[in-house]
Amino acid sequence: MALIMVMTLSLMIYSLAEKRVREALATHKVSIWDQKNKPTRYPTIRWVFMIFEDVLLSWELTG
């Protein structure tokens, strides 16, 4: 039962994060590049995390 609750909470947080990213992109009228090198305003949160992973690695190398 606890595992179901954790999974539900995780999916809810994932969904909310994705929604906030998409709303921010729409508000600022910008897009980011997707996996196919095309601009999109509806990225998955996994793709956003992968982009930030590159930023983190760059920051660790310079810092």
PDB file of N, CA and C in Angstrom:
ATOM      1  N   MET A   1       0.822  -1.198   0.000  1.00  0.00           N
ATOM      2  CA  MET A   1       0.000   0.000   0.000  1.00  0.00           C
ATOM      3  C   MET A   1       0.866   1.263   0.000  1.00  0.00           C
ATOM      4  N   ALA A   2       1.931   1.233   0.785  1.00  0.00           N
ATOM      5  CA  ALA A   2       2.810   2.401   0.853  1.00  0.00           C
ATOM      6  C   ALA A   2       3.493   2.652  -0.485  1.00  0.00           C
ATOM      7  N   LEU A   3       3.836   1.581  -1.174  1.00  0.00           N
ATOM      8  CA  LEU A   3       4.490   1.722  -2.472  1.00  0.00           C
ATOM      9  C   LEU A   3       3.554   2.383  -3.492  1.00  0.00           C
ATOM     10  N   ILE A   4       2.287   2.057  -3.431  1.00  0.00           N
ATOM     11  CA  ILE A   4       1.307   2.680  -4.327  1.00  0.00           C
ATOM     12  C   ILE A   4       1.198   4.170  -4.033  1.00  0.00           C
ATOM     13  N   MET A   5       1.219   4.530  -2.765  1.00  0.00           N
ATOM     14  CA  MET A   5       1.135   5.939  -2.392  1.00  0.00           C
ATOM     15  C   MET A   5       2.369   6.705  -2.862  1.00  0.00           C
ATOM     16  N   VAL A   6       3.544   6.102  -2.720  1.00  0.00           N
ATOM     17  CA  VAL A   6       4.779   6.744  -3.165  1.00  0.00           C
ATOM     18  C   VAL A   6       4.764   6.918  -4.681  1.00  0.00           C
ATOM     19  N   MET A   7       4.328   5.902  -5.394  1.00  0.00           N
ATOM     20  CA  MET A   7       4.267   5.981  -6.852  1.00  0.00           C
ATOM     21  C   MET A   7       3.275   7.050  -7.301  1.00  0.00           C
ATOM     22  N   THR A   8       2.125   7.117  -6.660  1.00  0.00           N
ATOM     23  CA  THR A   8       1.126   8.127  -6.993  1.00  0.00           C
ATOM     24  C   THR A   8       1.661   9.529  -6.741  1.00  0.00           C
ATOM     25  N   LEU A   9       2.316   9.725  -5.621  1.00  0.00           N
ATOM     26  CA  LEU A   9       2.897  11.025  -5.298  1.00  0.00           C
ATOM     27  C   LEU A   9       3.985  11.398  -6.305  1.00  0.00           C
ATOM     28  N   SER A  10       4.805  10.432  -6.678  1.00  0.00           N
ATOM     29  CA  SER A  10       5.866  10.688  -7.654  1.00  0.00           C
ATOM     30  C   SER A  10       5.296  11.099  -9.002  1.00  0.00           C
ATOM     31  N   LEU A  11       4.273  10.406  -9.458  1.00  0.00           N
ATOM     32  CA  LEU A  11       3.651  10.749 -10.736  1.00  0.00           C
ATOM     33  C   LEU A  11       2.965  12.110 -10.686  1.00  0.00           C
ATOM     34  N   MET A  12       2.395  12.442  -9.545  1.00  0.00           N
ATOM     35  CA  MET A  12       1.747  13.739  -9.400  1.00  0.00           C
ATOM     36  C   MET A  12       2.781  14.871  -9.452  1.00  0.00           C
ATOM     37  N   ILE A  13       3.899  14.700  -8.778  1.00  0.00           N
ATOM     38  CA  ILE A  13       4.960  15.704  -8.801  1.00  0.00           C
ATOM     39  C   ILE A  13       5.533  15.834 -10.207  1.00  0.00           C
ATOM     40  N   TYR A  14       5.742  14.718 -10.874  1.00  0.00           N
ATOM     41  CA  TYR A  14       6.240  14.704 -12.250  1.00  0.00           C
ATOM     42  C   TYR A  14       5.296  15.481 -13.162  1.00  0.00           C
ATOM     43  N   SER A  15       4.010  15.230 -13.023  1.00  0.00           N
ATOM     44  CA  SER A  15       3.007  15.894 -13.847  1.00  0.00           C
ATOM     45  C   SER A  15       2.951  17.397 -13.564  1.00  0.00           C
ATOM     46  N   LEU A  16       3.021  17.774 -12.307  1.00  0.00           N
ATOM     47  CA  LEU A  16       2.998  19.195 -11.955  1.00  0.00           C
ATOM     48  C   LEU A  16       4.236  19.926 -12.470  1.00  0.00           C
ATOM     49  N   ALA A  17       5.387  19.285 -12.381  1.00  0.00           N
ATOM     50  CA  ALA A  17       6.612  19.904 -12.888  1.00  0.00           C
ATOM     51  C   ALA A  17       6.522  20.106 -14.396  1.00  0.00           C
ATOM     52  N   GLU A  18       6.018  19.114 -15.091  1.00  0.00           N
ATOM     53  CA  GLU A  18       5.856  19.214 -16.540  1.00  0.00           C
ATOM     54  C   GLU A  18       4.886  20.343 -16.900  1.00  0.00           C
ATOM     55  N   LYS A  19       3.809  20.451 -16.160  1.00  0.00           N
ATOM     56  CA  LYS A  19       2.821  21.499 -16.416  1.00  0.00           C
ATOM     57  C   LYS A  19       3.421  22.884 -16.197  1.00  0.00           C
ATOM     58  N   ARG A  20       4.201  23.044 -15.135  1.00  0.00           N
ATOM     59  CA  ARG A  20       4.791  24.355 -14.844  1.00  0.00           C
ATOM     60  C   ARG A  20       5.813  24.757 -15.901  1.00  0.00           C
ATOM     61  N   VAL A  21       6.588  23.800 -16.384  1.00  0.00           N
ATOM     62  CA  VAL A  21       7.558  24.105 -17.443  1.00  0.00           C
ATOM     63  C   VAL A  21       6.824  24.540 -18.703  1.00  0.00           C
ATOM     64  N   ARG A  22       5.777  23.818 -19.059  1.00  0.00           N
ATOM     65  CA  ARG A  22       5.021  24.154 -20.265  1.00  0.00           C
ATOM     66  C   ARG A  22       4.328  25.507 -20.135  1.00  0.00           C
ATOM     67  N   GLU A  23       3.802  25.811 -18.957  1.00  0.00           N
ATOM     68  CA  GLU A  23       3.173  27.118 -18.743  1.00  0.00           C
ATOM     69  C   GLU A  23       4.201  28.241 -18.839  1.00  0.00           C
ATOM     70  N   ALA A  24       5.384  28.019 -18.284  1.00  0.00           N
ATOM     71  CA  ALA A  24       6.432  29.041 -18.348  1.00  0.00           C
ATOM     72  C   ALA A  24       6.872  29.282 -19.787  1.00  0.00           C
ATOM     73  N   LEU A  25       7.005  28.226 -20.558  1.00  0.00           N
ATOM     74  CA  LEU A  25       7.378  28.386 -21.964  1.00  0.00           C
ATOM     75  C   LEU A  25       6.298  29.146 -22.728  1.00  0.00           C
ATOM     76  N   ALA A  26       5.043  28.852 -22.440  1.00  0.00           N
ATOM     77  CA  ALA A  26       3.945  29.536 -23.123  1.00  0.00           C
ATOM     78  C   ALA A  26       3.863  30.999 -22.704  1.00  0.00           C
ATOM     79  N   THR A  27       4.083  31.278 -21.425  1.00  0.00           N
ATOM     80  CA  THR A  27       4.019  32.650 -20.929  1.00  0.00           C
ATOM     81  C   THR A  27       5.083  33.527 -21.574  1.00  0.00           C
ATOM     82  N   HIS A  28       6.288  32.993 -21.689  1.00  0.00           N
ATOM     83  CA  HIS A  28       7.398  33.764 -22.250  1.00  0.00           C
ATOM     84  C   HIS A  28       7.513  33.628 -23.765  1.00  0.00           C
ATOM     85  N   LYS A  29       6.630  32.827 -24.351  1.00  0.00           N
ATOM     86  CA  LYS A  29       6.595  32.612 -25.801  1.00  0.00           C
ATOM     87  C   LYS A  29       7.950  32.173 -26.349  1.00  0.00           C
ATOM     88  N   VAL A  30       8.537  31.202 -25.677  1.00  0.00           N
ATOM     89  CA  VAL A  30       9.802  30.621 -26.124  1.00  0.00           C
ATOM     90  C   VAL A  30       9.612  29.118 -26.283  1.00  0.00           C
ATOM     91  N   SER A  31      10.558  28.495 -26.914  1.00  0.00           N
ATOM     92  CA  SER A  31      10.522  27.048 -27.061  1.00  0.00           C
ATOM     93  C   SER A  31      11.921  26.500 -26.821  1.00  0.00           C
ATOM     94  N   ILE A  32      11.995  25.204 -26.614  1.00  0.00           N
ATOM     95  CA  ILE A  32      13.287  24.546 -26.476  1.00  0.00           C
ATOM     96  C   ILE A  32      13.365  23.454 -27.526  1.00  0.00           C
ATOM     97  N   TRP A  33      14.570  23.004 -27.797  1.00  0.00           N
ATOM     98  CA  TRP A  33      14.769  21.978 -28.815  1.00  0.00           C
ATOM     99  C   TRP A  33      14.458  20.614 -28.232  1.00  0.00           C
ATOM    100  N   ASP A  34      13.730  19.807 -28.998  1.00  0.00           N
ATOM    101  CA  ASP A  34      13.407  18.463 -28.541  1.00  0.00           C
ATOM    102  C   ASP A  34      14.436  17.458 -29.061  1.00  0.00           C
ATOM    103  N   GLN A  35      14.155  16.187 -28.886  1.00  0.00           N
ATOM    104  CA  GLN A  35      15.084  15.134 -29.277  1.00  0.00           C
ATOM    105  C   GLN A  35      15.297  15.065 -30.786  1.00  0.00           C
ATOM    106  N   LYS A  36      14.357  15.584 -31.551  1.00  0.00           N
ATOM    107  CA  LYS A  36      14.455  15.553 -33.013  1.00  0.00           C
ATOM    108  C   LYS A  36      15.017  16.855 -33.577  1.00  0.00           C
ATOM    109  N   ASN A  37      15.574  17.690 -32.705  1.00  0.00           N
ATOM    110  CA  ASN A  37      16.128  18.999 -33.075  1.00  0.00           C
ATOM    111  C   ASN A  37      15.091  19.918 -33.701  1.00  0.00           C
ATOM    112  N   LYS A  38      13.882  19.866 -33.164  1.00  0.00           N
ATOM    113  CA  LYS A  38      12.815  20.767 -33.583  1.00  0.00           C
ATOM    114  C   LYS A  38      12.347  21.551 -32.362  1.00  0.00           C
ATOM    115  N   PRO A  39      11.997  22.817 -32.532  1.00  0.00           N
ATOM    116  CA  PRO A  39      11.526  23.590 -31.380  1.00  0.00           C
ATOM    117  C   PRO A  39      10.159  23.103 -30.903  1.00  0.00           C
ATOM    118  N   THR A  40       9.994  23.063 -29.595  1.00  0.00           N
ATOM    119  CA  THR A  40       8.723  22.638 -29.021  1.00  0.00           C
ATOM    120  C   THR A  40       8.417  23.449 -27.770  1.00  0.00           C
ATOM    121  N   ARG A  41       7.146  23.654 -27.532  1.00  0.00           N
ATOM    122  CA  ARG A  41       6.700  24.300 -26.297  1.00  0.00           C
ATOM    123  C   ARG A  41       6.110  23.283 -25.330  1.00  0.00           C
ATOM    124  N   TYR A  42       6.128  22.014 -25.716  1.00  0.00           N
ATOM    125  CA  TYR A  42       5.550  20.956 -24.892  1.00  0.00           C
ATOM    126  C   TYR A  42       6.563  19.839 -24.629  1.00  0.00           C
ATOM    127  N   PRO A  43       7.685  20.161 -23.986  1.00  0.00           N
ATOM    128  CA  PRO A  43       8.673  19.114 -23.724  1.00  0.00           C
ATOM    129  C   PRO A  43       8.249  18.239 -22.545  1.00  0.00           C
ATOM    130  N   THR A  44       8.787  17.052 -22.513  1.00  0.00           N
ATOM    131  CA  THR A  44       8.583  16.214 -21.335  1.00  0.00           C
ATOM    132  C   THR A  44       9.553  16.675 -20.259  1.00  0.00           C
ATOM    133  N   ILE A  45       9.217  16.406 -19.031  1.00  0.00           N
ATOM    134  CA  ILE A  45      10.091  16.837 -17.937  1.00  0.00           C
ATOM    135  C   ILE A  45      11.397  16.042 -17.962  1.00  0.00           C
ATOM    136  N   ARG A  46      11.335  14.829 -18.484  1.00  0.00           N
ATOM    137  CA  ARG A  46      12.559  14.030 -18.607  1.00  0.00           C
ATOM    138  C   ARG A  46      13.554  14.725 -19.533  1.00  0.00           C
ATOM    139  N   TRP A  47      13.066  15.271 -20.636  1.00  0.00           N
ATOM    140  CA  TRP A  47      13.939  15.973 -21.569  1.00  0.00           C
ATOM    141  C   TRP A  47      14.509  17.238 -20.921  1.00  0.00           C
ATOM    142  N   VAL A  48      13.707  17.944 -20.157  1.00  0.00           N
ATOM    143  CA  VAL A  48      14.186  19.144 -19.462  1.00  0.00           C
ATOM    144  C   VAL A  48      15.277  18.765 -18.465  1.00  0.00           C
ATOM    145  N   PHE A  49      15.088  17.668 -17.741  1.00  0.00           N
ATOM    146  CA  PHE A  49      16.115  17.211 -16.804  1.00  0.00           C
ATOM    147  C   PHE A  49      17.402  16.840 -17.535  1.00  0.00           C
ATOM    148  N   MET A  50      17.281  16.255 -18.715  1.00  0.00           N
ATOM    149  CA  MET A  50      18.475  15.896 -19.485  1.00  0.00           C
ATOM    150  C   MET A  50      19.227  17.148 -19.928  1.00  0.00           C
ATOM    151  N   ILE A  51      18.511  18.203 -20.285  1.00  0.00           N
ATOM    152  CA  ILE A  51      19.154  19.467 -20.652  1.00  0.00           C
ATOM    153  C   ILE A  51      19.881  20.051 -19.445  1.00  0.00           C
ATOM    154  N   PHE A  52      19.228  20.037 -18.287  1.00  0.00           N
ATOM    155  CA  PHE A  52      19.856  20.574 -17.085  1.00  0.00           C
ATOM    156  C   PHE A  52      21.024  19.717 -16.612  1.00  0.00           C
ATOM    157  N   GLU A  53      21.037  18.449 -16.970  1.00  0.00           N
ATOM    158  CA  GLU A  53      22.172  17.603 -16.630  1.00  0.00           C
ATOM    159  C   GLU A  53      23.435  18.122 -17.319  1.00  0.00           C
ATOM    160  N   ASP A  54      23.296  18.552 -18.572  1.00  0.00           N
ATOM    161  CA  ASP A  54      24.437  19.137 -19.279  1.00  0.00           C
ATOM    162  C   ASP A  54      24.896  20.425 -18.612  1.00  0.00           C
ATOM    163  N   VAL A  55      23.956  21.225 -18.147  1.00  0.00           N
ATOM    164  CA  VAL A  55      24.304  22.467 -17.455  1.00  0.00           C
ATOM    165  C   VAL A  55      25.043  22.147 -16.159  1.00  0.00           C
ATOM    166  N   LEU A  56      24.572  21.159 -15.432  1.00  0.00           N
ATOM    167  CA  LEU A  56      25.211  20.776 -14.176  1.00  0.00           C
ATOM    168  C   LEU A  56      26.628  20.274 -14.413  1.00  0.00           C
ATOM    169  N   LEU A  57      26.812  19.450 -15.429  1.00  0.00           N
ATOM    170  CA  LEU A  57      28.153  18.948 -15.730  1.00  0.00           C
ATOM    171  C   LEU A  57      29.087  20.083 -16.118  1.00  0.00           C
ATOM    172  N   SER A  58      28.579  21.028 -16.889  1.00  0.00           N
ATOM    173  CA  SER A  58      29.384  22.184 -17.274  1.00  0.00           C
ATOM    174  C   SER A  58      29.760  23.010 -16.050  1.00  0.00           C
ATOM    175  N   TRP A  59      28.815  23.182 -15.140  1.00  0.00           N
ATOM    176  CA  TRP A  59      29.056  23.962 -13.928  1.00  0.00           C
ATOM    177  C   TRP A  59      30.083  23.272 -13.040  1.00  0.00           C
ATOM    178  N   GLU A  60      30.011  21.943 -12.934  1.00  0.00           N
ATOM    179  CA  GLU A  60      30.963  21.208 -12.108  1.00  0.00           C
ATOM    180  C   GLU A  60      32.372  21.283 -12.678  1.00  0.00           C
ATOM    181  N   LEU A  61      32.490  21.286 -13.997  1.00  0.00           N
ATOM    182  CA  LEU A  61      33.809  21.344 -14.615  1.00  0.00           C
ATOM    183  C   LEU A  61      34.453  22.718 -14.455  1.00  0.00           C
ATOM    184  N   THR A  62      33.645  23.776 -14.453  1.00  0.00           N
ATOM    185  CA  THR A  62      34.196  25.122 -14.328  1.00  0.00           C
ATOM    186  C   THR A  62      34.302  25.570 -12.877  1.00  0.00           C
ATOM    187  N   GLY A  63      33.520  24.983 -11.992  1.00  0.00           N
ATOM    188  CA  GLY A  63      33.489  25.423 -10.595  1.00  0.00           C
ATOM    189  C   GLY A  63      34.375  24.624  -9.768  1.00  0.00           C
TER     190      GLY A  63
END
